[in-house]
Amino acid sequence: MSVMDYSELSTEAFQAVYRTVLGLCPGLHPDDFGEEGSGWDDSPVLEAVGEEAWRRYETGEFSDEDLYDVEAQRAGFKGA
């Protein structure tokens, strides 16, 4: 399976992708990224999105609010 290179997306475009993932998969938590069985490792796409989110956070492109997007996760729980 070929996975998109999310590093090529603008901050705004990637943020939309990330928020969508958190909304659709509200059980994912950023702090669990990299842990086996956390959900992030369920698909190459989720893994790539999580990796890119952390890369952007560590370089200062993503703030705490961006990485821990509670609003997107709450929206996902409401839809579940």
Protein backbone atom coordinates (compact mmCIF):
# COMPACT_ATOMS: atom_id res chain seq x y z
CA MET A 1 0.00 0.00 0.00
CA SER A 2 1.35 3.38 -0.96
CA VAL A 3 0.96 6.06 1.70
CA MET A 4 0.89 9.77 0.97
CA ASP A 5 3.85 11.91 2.03
CA TYR A 6 2.04 14.20 4.45
CA SER A 7 5.10 16.41 4.89
CA GLU A 8 4.31 17.92 1.49
CA LEU A 9 0.97 19.32 2.72
CA SER A 10 0.62 22.85 4.02
CA THR A 11 0.05 23.23 7.74
CA GLU A 12 -3.63 24.00 7.18
CA ALA A 13 -4.16 21.03 4.85
CA PHE A 14 -2.41 18.59 7.17
CA GLN A 15 -4.29 19.95 10.17
CA ALA A 16 -7.54 19.17 8.34
CA VAL A 17 -6.36 15.60 7.70
CA TYR A 18 -5.27 15.18 11.32
CA ARG A 19 -8.51 16.57 12.72
CA THR A 20 -10.46 14.21 10.46
CA VAL A 21 -8.48 11.22 11.71
CA LEU A 22 -9.05 12.21 15.35
CA GLY A 23 -12.75 12.73 14.67
CA LEU A 24 -13.15 9.38 12.92
CA CYS A 25 -10.98 7.49 15.41
CA PRO A 26 -11.68 9.14 18.77
CA GLY A 27 -9.91 6.36 20.66
CA LEU A 28 -6.55 7.49 19.29
CA HIS A 29 -4.46 9.62 21.61
CA PRO A 30 -1.32 11.44 20.47
CA ASP A 31 0.67 10.24 23.50
CA ASP A 32 0.02 6.63 22.48
CA PHE A 33 1.70 7.04 19.09
CA GLY A 34 4.49 4.51 18.65
CA GLU A 35 3.08 2.07 21.18
CA GLU A 36 2.15 -1.34 19.87
CA GLY A 37 -1.59 -1.95 19.92
CA SER A 38 -2.40 1.75 20.40
CA GLY A 39 -4.53 2.01 17.29
CA TRP A 40 -2.02 4.18 15.45
CA ASP A 41 -0.39 1.00 14.19
CA ASP A 42 -3.67 -0.40 12.83
CA SER A 43 -2.92 0.94 9.34
CA PRO A 44 -0.02 2.48 7.46
CA VAL A 45 -2.11 5.60 6.90
CA LEU A 46 -2.79 6.15 10.61
CA GLU A 47 0.87 5.53 11.35
CA ALA A 48 1.96 8.08 8.73
CA VAL A 49 -0.49 10.70 10.02
CA GLY A 50 0.63 10.21 13.62
CA GLU A 51 4.28 10.38 12.66
CA GLU A 52 3.75 13.60 10.71
CA ALA A 53 1.75 15.18 13.53
CA TRP A 54 4.57 14.51 15.97
CA ARG A 55 7.19 15.75 13.48
CA ARG A 56 5.29 19.02 13.11
CA TYR A 57 4.85 19.31 16.87
CA GLU A 58 8.55 18.73 17.57
CA THR A 59 9.57 21.35 15.00
CA GLY A 60 7.12 23.90 16.42
CA GLU A 61 4.77 23.85 13.45
CA PHE A 62 2.03 22.28 15.61
CA SER A 63 1.10 23.69 19.00
CA ASP A 64 -0.18 21.73 21.98
CA GLU A 65 -3.71 22.66 20.89
CA ASP A 66 -3.05 21.31 17.40
CA LEU A 67 -1.63 18.00 18.61
CA TYR A 68 -4.18 17.47 21.36
CA ASP A 69 -7.22 18.57 19.38
CA VAL A 70 -9.91 17.88 21.97
CA GLU A 71 -12.63 19.47 19.84
CA ALA A 72 -12.04 17.00 16.99
CA GLN A 73 -12.02 14.06 19.38
CA ARG A 74 -15.23 15.19 21.06
CA ALA A 75 -16.90 15.54 17.67
CA GLY A 76 -15.88 11.95 16.93
CA PHE A 77 -17.34 10.67 20.21
CA LYS A 78 -20.62 12.42 19.49
CA GLY A 79 -20.83 10.75 16.09
CA ALA A 80 -19.95 7.30 17.39
